[in-house]
Amino acid sequence: MTFARTVAPEVLDSLAADDPAARRSRRDLRRVHRFMGTRGIVLKALRALPVRQSRARPLQVLELGAGDGSLMLGVARALAGEWPAVALTLLDRQDLLRPAAVADYAAAGWTVTQHTADVLDWSAGDGVAWPQPRAVPRWDLIAANLFLHHFQAPQLATLLAAVAARTENFFACEPRRAWPAFLGSHLIGAIGANAVTREDAVLSVRAGFRGTELQSFWPAGGTGWTLAEYPAGLFSHCLAAARAPVNPTSAK
């Protein structure tokens, strides 16, 4: 049995960054990620992507809707030594990156910067002035974690078109719209989640994905890309995309 996808505004998105309930909910999300095994899911996917690194520059990584960057910090620590030079940009509407996190990233061998902007403005290229000129024409990797489900179908199509135009690899880990996840969202209070997190968890699953819904929004039906969309565990749904290398023979 399945249920239709519905998108509704989540409570956390309406709260100020320094609201006590928002700070508590962000802490809850770290526990939610541990419960869902998100870091392990992301690590497995990133290791499978053909992320190529030039020795002349760090690997350029962008996380959309990154929040305080705590999830990707765990990934950075796990990848220490595998990706020796990484420049990470966290894009979010709120500036949540703290100096302690910057130092923790540096200890893992990553540099990190915060870029405050609305992702739909980023998609349209409107009003998003980067603090310094981009050194490369595309990102090596763009990632999104529990973020794409916030958007309706037309916004998703716009956002993923911008992603495809600006990166060589993409990975998203989203809520899985299925009954086990829906049941789990109603039981999230068992891990100490506050009222904001409890309400948002249910909304997130209702707005989640299943089957090949995400890749249906990828531009031109995925031409020129290798796409893989799959469930991960009981609660997560993923999309991995890698730009297909150009065949010199076929390009003639």
C-alpha atoms as a PDB file:
ATOM      1  CA  MET A   1       0.000   0.000   0.000  1.00  0.00           C
ATOM      2  CA  THR A   2       1.318   3.486  -0.902  1.00  0.00           C
ATOM      3  CA  PHE A   3       0.130   7.037  -0.371  1.00  0.00           C
ATOM      4  CA  ALA A   4       0.398  10.115  -2.561  1.00  0.00           C
ATOM      5  CA  ARG A   5       3.212  12.597  -2.071  1.00  0.00           C
ATOM      6  CA  THR A   6       2.148  15.788  -0.294  1.00  0.00           C
ATOM      7  CA  VAL A   7       4.410  18.747   0.502  1.00  0.00           C
ATOM      8  CA  ALA A   8       3.634  21.090   3.414  1.00  0.00           C
ATOM      9  CA  PRO A   9       5.780  23.749   5.115  1.00  0.00           C
ATOM     10  CA  GLU A  10       7.806  22.335   7.993  1.00  0.00           C
ATOM     11  CA  VAL A  11       7.889  24.094  11.354  1.00  0.00           C
ATOM     12  CA  LEU A  12      11.681  24.337  11.643  1.00  0.00           C
ATOM     13  CA  ASP A  13      11.881  26.313   8.393  1.00  0.00           C
ATOM     14  CA  SER A  14       9.736  29.085   9.915  1.00  0.00           C
ATOM     15  CA  LEU A  15      11.792  29.514  13.085  1.00  0.00           C
ATOM     16  CA  ALA A  16      14.654  31.936  13.605  1.00  0.00           C
ATOM     17  CA  ALA A  17      18.095  30.383  13.832  1.00  0.00           C
ATOM     18  CA  ASP A  18      18.455  31.337  17.506  1.00  0.00           C
ATOM     19  CA  ASP A  19      14.984  30.178  18.550  1.00  0.00           C
ATOM     20  CA  PRO A  20      15.425  27.663  21.415  1.00  0.00           C
ATOM     21  CA  ALA A  21      12.990  25.241  19.770  1.00  0.00           C
ATOM     22  CA  ALA A  22      14.978  25.462  16.516  1.00  0.00           C
ATOM     23  CA  ARG A  23      18.280  24.823  18.282  1.00  0.00           C
ATOM     24  CA  ARG A  24      16.740  21.821  20.028  1.00  0.00           C
ATOM     25  CA  SER A  25      15.282  20.516  16.759  1.00  0.00           C
ATOM     26  CA  ARG A  26      18.672  20.731  15.021  1.00  0.00           C
ATOM     27  CA  ARG A  27      20.136  18.643  17.836  1.00  0.00           C
ATOM     28  CA  ASP A  28      17.251  16.205  17.350  1.00  0.00           C
ATOM     29  CA  LEU A  29      18.138  15.938  13.661  1.00  0.00           C
ATOM     30  CA  ARG A  30      21.608  14.688  14.554  1.00  0.00           C
ATOM     31  CA  ARG A  31      19.981  11.863  16.514  1.00  0.00           C
ATOM     32  CA  VAL A  32      17.570  11.234  13.635  1.00  0.00           C
ATOM     33  CA  HIS A  33      20.514  10.872  11.252  1.00  0.00           C
ATOM     34  CA  ARG A  34      22.148   8.369  13.606  1.00  0.00           C
ATOM     35  CA  PHE A  35      18.886   6.437  13.899  1.00  0.00           C
ATOM     36  CA  MET A  36      18.455   6.394  10.100  1.00  0.00           C
ATOM     37  CA  GLY A  37      22.106   5.554   9.480  1.00  0.00           C
ATOM     38  CA  THR A  38      22.391   8.530   7.123  1.00  0.00           C
ATOM     39  CA  ARG A  39      26.143   8.965   7.419  1.00  0.00           C
ATOM     40  CA  GLY A  40      26.771   5.355   6.403  1.00  0.00           C
ATOM     41  CA  ILE A  41      24.379   5.680   3.476  1.00  0.00           C
ATOM     42  CA  VAL A  42      26.103   8.850   2.268  1.00  0.00           C
ATOM     43  CA  LEU A  43      29.576   7.360   2.695  1.00  0.00           C
ATOM     44  CA  LYS A  44      28.733   4.255   0.698  1.00  0.00           C
ATOM     45  CA  ALA A  45      27.271   6.332  -2.127  1.00  0.00           C
ATOM     46  CA  LEU A  46      30.120   8.851  -2.284  1.00  0.00           C
ATOM     47  CA  ARG A  47      32.715   6.096  -2.372  1.00  0.00           C
ATOM     48  CA  ALA A  48      30.880   4.541  -5.330  1.00  0.00           C
ATOM     49  CA  LEU A  49      30.690   7.766  -7.351  1.00  0.00           C
ATOM     50  CA  PRO A  50      33.484   8.398  -9.884  1.00  0.00           C
ATOM     51  CA  VAL A  51      34.622  11.573  -8.153  1.00  0.00           C
ATOM     52  CA  ARG A  52      37.790  12.653  -9.916  1.00  0.00           C
ATOM     53  CA  GLN A  53      40.223  15.000  -8.245  1.00  0.00           C
ATOM     54  CA  SER A  54      42.798  17.203  -9.930  1.00  0.00           C
ATOM     55  CA  ARG A  55      46.099  17.316  -8.091  1.00  0.00           C
ATOM     56  CA  ALA A  56      46.254  21.022  -8.904  1.00  0.00           C
ATOM     57  CA  ARG A  57      43.253  21.925  -6.755  1.00  0.00           C
ATOM     58  CA  PRO A  58      41.051  20.621  -3.949  1.00  0.00           C
ATOM     59  CA  LEU A  59      37.929  18.633  -4.702  1.00  0.00           C
ATOM     60  CA  GLN A  60      35.052  21.137  -4.925  1.00  0.00           C
ATOM     61  CA  VAL A  61      31.971  19.993  -2.979  1.00  0.00           C
ATOM     62  CA  LEU A  62      28.699  21.844  -2.414  1.00  0.00           C
ATOM     63  CA  GLU A  63      26.009  20.748   0.050  1.00  0.00           C
ATOM     64  CA  LEU A  64      22.529  22.201  -0.513  1.00  0.00           C
ATOM     65  CA  GLY A  65      20.366  22.954   2.515  1.00  0.00           C
ATOM     66  CA  ALA A  66      23.304  21.995   4.700  1.00  0.00           C
ATOM     67  CA  GLY A  67      22.092  23.374   8.016  1.00  0.00           C
ATOM     68  CA  ASP A  68      24.931  23.494  10.522  1.00  0.00           C
ATOM     69  CA  GLY A  69      27.086  21.071   8.506  1.00  0.00           C
ATOM     70  CA  SER A  70      27.170  18.421  11.231  1.00  0.00           C
ATOM     71  CA  LEU A  71      26.220  15.516   8.973  1.00  0.00           C
ATOM     72  CA  MET A  72      28.871  16.270   6.372  1.00  0.00           C
ATOM     73  CA  LEU A  73      31.427  16.721   9.155  1.00  0.00           C
ATOM     74  CA  GLY A  74      30.938  13.072  10.072  1.00  0.00           C
ATOM     75  CA  VAL A  75      31.435  12.176   6.415  1.00  0.00           C
ATOM     76  CA  ALA A  76      34.604  14.290   6.259  1.00  0.00           C
ATOM     77  CA  ARG A  77      36.052  12.512   9.262  1.00  0.00           C
ATOM     78  CA  ALA A  78      35.286   9.103   7.773  1.00  0.00           C
ATOM     79  CA  LEU A  79      36.817  10.071   4.408  1.00  0.00           C
ATOM     80  CA  ALA A  80      39.974  11.560   5.912  1.00  0.00           C
ATOM     81  CA  GLY A  81      42.878  10.177   3.903  1.00  0.00           C
ATOM     82  CA  GLU A  82      40.671   8.971   1.048  1.00  0.00           C
ATOM     83  CA  TRP A  83      39.910  12.475  -0.262  1.00  0.00           C
ATOM     84  CA  PRO A  84      43.048  14.321   0.846  1.00  0.00           C
ATOM     85  CA  ALA A  85      42.043  17.841  -0.269  1.00  0.00           C
ATOM     86  CA  VAL A  86      38.426  18.988  -0.161  1.00  0.00           C
ATOM     87  CA  ALA A  87      36.920  22.475  -0.292  1.00  0.00           C
ATOM     88  CA  LEU A  88      33.342  22.261   0.988  1.00  0.00           C
ATOM     89  CA  THR A  89      30.710  24.987   0.655  1.00  0.00           C
ATOM     90  CA  LEU A  90      27.580  24.777   2.802  1.00  0.00           C
ATOM     91  CA  LEU A  91      24.611  26.527   1.185  1.00  0.00           C
ATOM     92  CA  ASP A  92      21.679  27.355   3.444  1.00  0.00           C
ATOM     93  CA  ARG A  93      19.216  30.182   4.029  1.00  0.00           C
ATOM     94  CA  GLN A  94      20.584  30.605   7.555  1.00  0.00           C
ATOM     95  CA  ASP A  95      24.183  31.053   8.675  1.00  0.00           C
ATOM     96  CA  LEU A  96      24.547  28.133  11.090  1.00  0.00           C
ATOM     97  CA  LEU A  97      28.233  27.291  10.671  1.00  0.00           C
ATOM     98  CA  ARG A  98      30.138  27.770  13.922  1.00  0.00           C
ATOM     99  CA  PRO A  99      33.901  28.380  14.379  1.00  0.00           C
ATOM    100  CA  ALA A 100      34.246  25.083  16.244  1.00  0.00           C
ATOM    101  CA  ALA A 101      32.870  23.226  13.209  1.00  0.00           C
ATOM    102  CA  VAL A 102      35.322  25.025  10.911  1.00  0.00           C
ATOM    103  CA  ALA A 103      38.161  23.808  13.127  1.00  0.00           C
ATOM    104  CA  ASP A 104      36.756  20.271  13.179  1.00  0.00           C
ATOM    105  CA  TYR A 105      36.605  20.222   9.383  1.00  0.00           C
ATOM    106  CA  ALA A 106      40.181  21.461   9.201  1.00  0.00           C
ATOM    107  CA  ALA A 107      41.261  18.621  11.478  1.00  0.00           C
ATOM    108  CA  ALA A 108      39.714  16.207   8.954  1.00  0.00           C
ATOM    109  CA  GLY A 109      41.627  17.862   6.109  1.00  0.00           C
ATOM    110  CA  TRP A 110      38.678  19.805   4.664  1.00  0.00           C
ATOM    111  CA  THR A 111      38.207  23.543   4.328  1.00  0.00           C
ATOM    112  CA  VAL A 112      34.634  24.739   4.778  1.00  0.00           C
ATOM    113  CA  THR A 113      32.804  27.968   4.047  1.00  0.00           C
ATOM    114  CA  GLN A 114      29.195  29.008   4.571  1.00  0.00           C
ATOM    115  CA  HIS A 115      27.207  30.593   1.737  1.00  0.00           C
ATOM    116  CA  THR A 116      23.887  32.062   2.831  1.00  0.00           C
ATOM    117  CA  ALA A 117      21.277  32.048   0.066  1.00  0.00           C
ATOM    118  CA  ASP A 118      17.945  30.555  -0.918  1.00  0.00           C
ATOM    119  CA  VAL A 119      18.549  27.470  -3.036  1.00  0.00           C
ATOM    120  CA  LEU A 120      15.888  28.527  -5.538  1.00  0.00           C
ATOM    121  CA  ASP A 121      17.765  31.788  -6.053  1.00  0.00           C
ATOM    122  CA  TRP A 122      20.898  29.699  -6.512  1.00  0.00           C
ATOM    123  CA  SER A 123      19.057  27.596  -9.081  1.00  0.00           C
ATOM    124  CA  ALA A 124      17.995  30.663 -11.027  1.00  0.00           C
ATOM    125  CA  GLY A 125      21.356  32.366 -10.621  1.00  0.00           C
ATOM    126  CA  ASP A 126      19.620  35.402  -9.135  1.00  0.00           C
ATOM    127  CA  GLY A 127      21.227  37.463  -6.411  1.00  0.00           C
ATOM    128  CA  VAL A 128      23.740  34.799  -5.423  1.00  0.00           C
ATOM    129  CA  ALA A 129      27.134  36.501  -5.411  1.00  0.00           C
ATOM    130  CA  TRP A 130      29.893  34.157  -4.294  1.00  0.00           C
ATOM    131  CA  PRO A 131      32.416  35.690  -1.907  1.00  0.00           C
ATOM    132  CA  GLN A 132      35.228  34.962  -4.355  1.00  0.00           C
ATOM    133  CA  PRO A 133      35.395  33.975  -8.038  1.00  0.00           C
ATOM    134  CA  ARG A 134      34.861  30.274  -8.658  1.00  0.00           C
ATOM    135  CA  ALA A 135      38.121  28.568  -9.653  1.00  0.00           C
ATOM    136  CA  VAL A 136      36.370  25.797 -11.620  1.00  0.00           C
ATOM    137  CA  PRO A 137      33.386  25.880 -14.005  1.00  0.00           C
ATOM    138  CA  ARG A 138      31.538  23.107 -12.162  1.00  0.00           C
ATOM    139  CA  TRP A 139      31.439  21.466  -8.776  1.00  0.00           C
ATOM    140  CA  ASP A 140      32.979  18.014  -8.593  1.00  0.00           C
ATOM    141  CA  LEU A 141      30.130  16.953  -6.314  1.00  0.00           C
ATOM    142  CA  ILE A 142      26.838  18.430  -5.113  1.00  0.00           C
ATOM    143  CA  ALA A 143      25.037  16.719  -2.240  1.00  0.00           C
ATOM    144  CA  ALA A 144      21.694  17.142  -0.492  1.00  0.00           C
ATOM    145  CA  ASN A 145      20.518  15.344   2.630  1.00  0.00           C
ATOM    146  CA  LEU A 146      16.876  15.393   3.786  1.00  0.00           C
ATOM    147  CA  PHE A 147      16.376  18.507   1.677  1.00  0.00           C
ATOM    148  CA  LEU A 148      14.775  17.829  -1.731  1.00  0.00           C
ATOM    149  CA  HIS A 149      11.519  16.686  -0.148  1.00  0.00           C
ATOM    150  CA  HIS A 150      10.765  20.312   0.799  1.00  0.00           C
ATOM    151  CA  PHE A 151       9.964  21.171  -2.815  1.00  0.00           C
ATOM    152  CA  GLN A 152       6.976  20.769  -5.095  1.00  0.00           C
ATOM    153  CA  ALA A 153       7.413  19.149  -8.521  1.00  0.00           C
ATOM    154  CA  PRO A 154       8.069  22.340 -10.554  1.00  0.00           C
ATOM    155  CA  GLN A 155      10.664  23.537  -8.032  1.00  0.00           C
ATOM    156  CA  LEU A 156      12.325  20.133  -8.041  1.00  0.00           C
ATOM    157  CA  ALA A 157      12.629  20.194 -11.811  1.00  0.00           C
ATOM    158  CA  THR A 158      14.225  23.655 -11.691  1.00  0.00           C
ATOM    159  CA  LEU A 159      16.567  22.720  -8.875  1.00  0.00           C
ATOM    160  CA  LEU A 160      17.767  19.466 -10.427  1.00  0.00           C
ATOM    161  CA  ALA A 161      18.269  21.157 -13.794  1.00  0.00           C
ATOM    162  CA  ALA A 162      20.581  23.655 -12.082  1.00  0.00           C
ATOM    163  CA  VAL A 163      22.396  20.818 -10.314  1.00  0.00           C
ATOM    164  CA  ALA A 164      22.915  18.906 -13.571  1.00  0.00           C
ATOM    165  CA  ALA A 165      24.329  22.019 -15.227  1.00  0.00           C
ATOM    166  CA  ARG A 166      26.820  22.720 -12.445  1.00  0.00           C
ATOM    167  CA  THR A 167      28.260  19.435 -11.250  1.00  0.00           C
ATOM    168  CA  GLU A 168      29.926  16.221 -12.347  1.00  0.00           C
ATOM    169  CA  ASN A 169      28.330  14.118  -9.591  1.00  0.00           C
ATOM    170  CA  PHE A 170      25.262  14.393  -7.401  1.00  0.00           C
ATOM    171  CA  PHE A 171      23.897  12.490  -4.433  1.00  0.00           C
ATOM    172  CA  ALA A 172      20.706  12.982  -2.423  1.00  0.00           C
ATOM    173  CA  CYS A 173      19.452  11.034   0.584  1.00  0.00           C
ATOM    174  CA  GLU A 174      15.779  11.728   1.281  1.00  0.00           C
ATOM    175  CA  PRO A 175      12.902  10.340   3.351  1.00  0.00           C
ATOM    176  CA  ARG A 176      11.378   7.191   1.909  1.00  0.00           C
ATOM    177  CA  ARG A 177       7.615   7.528   1.442  1.00  0.00           C
ATOM    178  CA  ALA A 178       6.579   4.134   2.770  1.00  0.00           C
ATOM    179  CA  TRP A 179       4.639   2.764   5.687  1.00  0.00           C
ATOM    180  CA  PRO A 180       7.660   1.716   7.820  1.00  0.00           C
ATOM    181  CA  ALA A 181       9.040   5.254   7.609  1.00  0.00           C
ATOM    182  CA  PHE A 182       5.599   6.740   8.265  1.00  0.00           C
ATOM    183  CA  LEU A 183       5.225   4.598  11.376  1.00  0.00           C
ATOM    184  CA  GLY A 184       8.725   5.512  12.503  1.00  0.00           C
ATOM    185  CA  SER A 185       7.975   9.209  12.087  1.00  0.00           C
ATOM    186  CA  HIS A 186       5.130   8.874  14.589  1.00  0.00           C
ATOM    187  CA  LEU A 187       7.413   7.154  17.093  1.00  0.00           C
ATOM    188  CA  ILE A 188      10.287   9.630  16.890  1.00  0.00           C
ATOM    189  CA  GLY A 189       9.419  11.026  20.295  1.00  0.00           C
ATOM    190  CA  ALA A 190      10.961   7.839  21.702  1.00  0.00           C
ATOM    191  CA  ILE A 191      14.441   9.253  20.972  1.00  0.00           C
ATOM    192  CA  GLY A 192      13.623  12.462  22.843  1.00  0.00           C
ATOM    193  CA  ALA A 193      12.596  14.623  19.879  1.00  0.00           C
ATOM    194  CA  ASN A 194      10.793  17.867  20.653  1.00  0.00           C
ATOM    195  CA  ALA A 195       7.408  18.933  19.292  1.00  0.00           C
ATOM    196  CA  VAL A 196       8.940  20.658  16.247  1.00  0.00           C
ATOM    197  CA  THR A 197      10.872  17.554  15.212  1.00  0.00           C
ATOM    198  CA  ARG A 198       7.921  15.255  15.863  1.00  0.00           C
ATOM    199  CA  GLU A 199       5.633  17.285  13.614  1.00  0.00           C
ATOM    200  CA  ASP A 200       8.236  17.797  10.899  1.00  0.00           C
ATOM    201  CA  ALA A 201       9.150  14.104  10.810  1.00  0.00           C
ATOM    202  CA  VAL A 202       5.629  13.154   9.750  1.00  0.00           C
ATOM    203  CA  LEU A 203       5.532  15.922   7.141  1.00  0.00           C
ATOM    204  CA  SER A 204       8.921  14.827   5.798  1.00  0.00           C
ATOM    205  CA  VAL A 205       7.808  11.263   5.157  1.00  0.00           C
ATOM    206  CA  ARG A 206       4.603  12.424   3.454  1.00  0.00           C
ATOM    207  CA  ALA A 207       6.778  14.559   1.156  1.00  0.00           C
ATOM    208  CA  GLY A 208       9.338  11.807   0.595  1.00  0.00           C
ATOM    209  CA  PHE A 209      10.046   9.711  -2.470  1.00  0.00           C
ATOM    210  CA  ARG A 210       9.811   6.170  -3.780  1.00  0.00           C
ATOM    211  CA  GLY A 211      10.357   4.260  -7.006  1.00  0.00           C
ATOM    212  CA  THR A 212      11.935   6.455  -9.692  1.00  0.00           C
ATOM    213  CA  GLU A 213      10.199   9.681  -8.723  1.00  0.00           C
ATOM    214  CA  LEU A 214      13.367  11.717  -8.216  1.00  0.00           C
ATOM    215  CA  GLN A 215      15.049  10.836 -11.492  1.00  0.00           C
ATOM    216  CA  SER A 216      11.848  11.730 -13.333  1.00  0.00           C
ATOM    217  CA  PHE A 217      12.749  15.345 -12.507  1.00  0.00           C
ATOM    218  CA  TRP A 218      16.289  15.020 -13.875  1.00  0.00           C
ATOM    219  CA  PRO A 219      16.643  17.087 -17.068  1.00  0.00           C
ATOM    220  CA  ALA A 220      16.343  15.424 -20.489  1.00  0.00           C
ATOM    221  CA  GLY A 221      15.496  12.108 -18.898  1.00  0.00           C
ATOM    222  CA  GLY A 222      19.054  11.625 -17.681  1.00  0.00           C
ATOM    223  CA  THR A 223      20.738  11.749 -21.100  1.00  0.00           C
ATOM    224  CA  GLY A 224      24.495  11.941 -20.610  1.00  0.00           C
ATOM    225  CA  TRP A 225      24.237  10.738 -17.030  1.00  0.00           C
ATOM    226  CA  THR A 226      24.319   7.477 -15.144  1.00  0.00           C
ATOM    227  CA  LEU A 227      21.438   7.548 -12.661  1.00  0.00           C
ATOM    228  CA  ALA A 228      20.672   5.201  -9.796  1.00  0.00           C
ATOM    229  CA  GLU A 229      17.623   5.630  -7.570  1.00  0.00           C
ATOM    230  CA  TYR A 230      17.085   3.202  -4.728  1.00  0.00           C
ATOM    231  CA  PRO A 231      15.733   2.680  -1.200  1.00  0.00           C
ATOM    232  CA  ALA A 232      18.288   2.556   1.614  1.00  0.00           C
ATOM    233  CA  GLY A 233      17.252   0.777   4.778  1.00  0.00           C
ATOM    234  CA  LEU A 234      13.707   1.225   6.034  1.00  0.00           C
ATOM    235  CA  PHE A 235      13.562   4.995   6.050  1.00  0.00           C
ATOM    236  CA  SER A 236      15.706   6.496   3.278  1.00  0.00           C
ATOM    237  CA  HIS A 237      15.465   6.933  -0.478  1.00  0.00           C
ATOM    238  CA  CYS A 238      18.475   7.940  -2.585  1.00  0.00           C
ATOM    239  CA  LEU A 239      19.426   9.327  -5.972  1.00  0.00           C
ATOM    240  CA  ALA A 240      23.008   9.094  -7.268  1.00  0.00           C
ATOM    241  CA  ALA A 241      24.007  10.732 -10.550  1.00  0.00           C
ATOM    242  CA  ALA A 242      27.342  10.703 -12.371  1.00  0.00           C
ATOM    243  CA  ARG A 243      28.067  12.534 -15.591  1.00  0.00           C
ATOM    244  CA  ALA A 244      28.941  10.015 -18.284  1.00  0.00           C
ATOM    245  CA  PRO A 245      32.480  10.492 -19.667  1.00  0.00           C
ATOM    246  CA  VAL A 246      32.675  11.658 -23.248  1.00  0.00           C
ATOM    247  CA  ASN A 247      33.634   8.933 -25.689  1.00  0.00           C
ATOM    248  CA  PRO A 248      36.252  10.505 -28.022  1.00  0.00           C
ATOM    249  CA  THR A 249      35.173   8.215 -30.867  1.00  0.00           C
ATOM    250  CA  SER A 250      31.473   9.042 -30.617  1.00  0.00           C
ATOM    251  CA  ALA A 251      32.239  12.749 -30.226  1.00  0.00           C
ATOM    252  CA  LYS A 252      33.790  12.953 -33.701  1.00  0.00           C
END
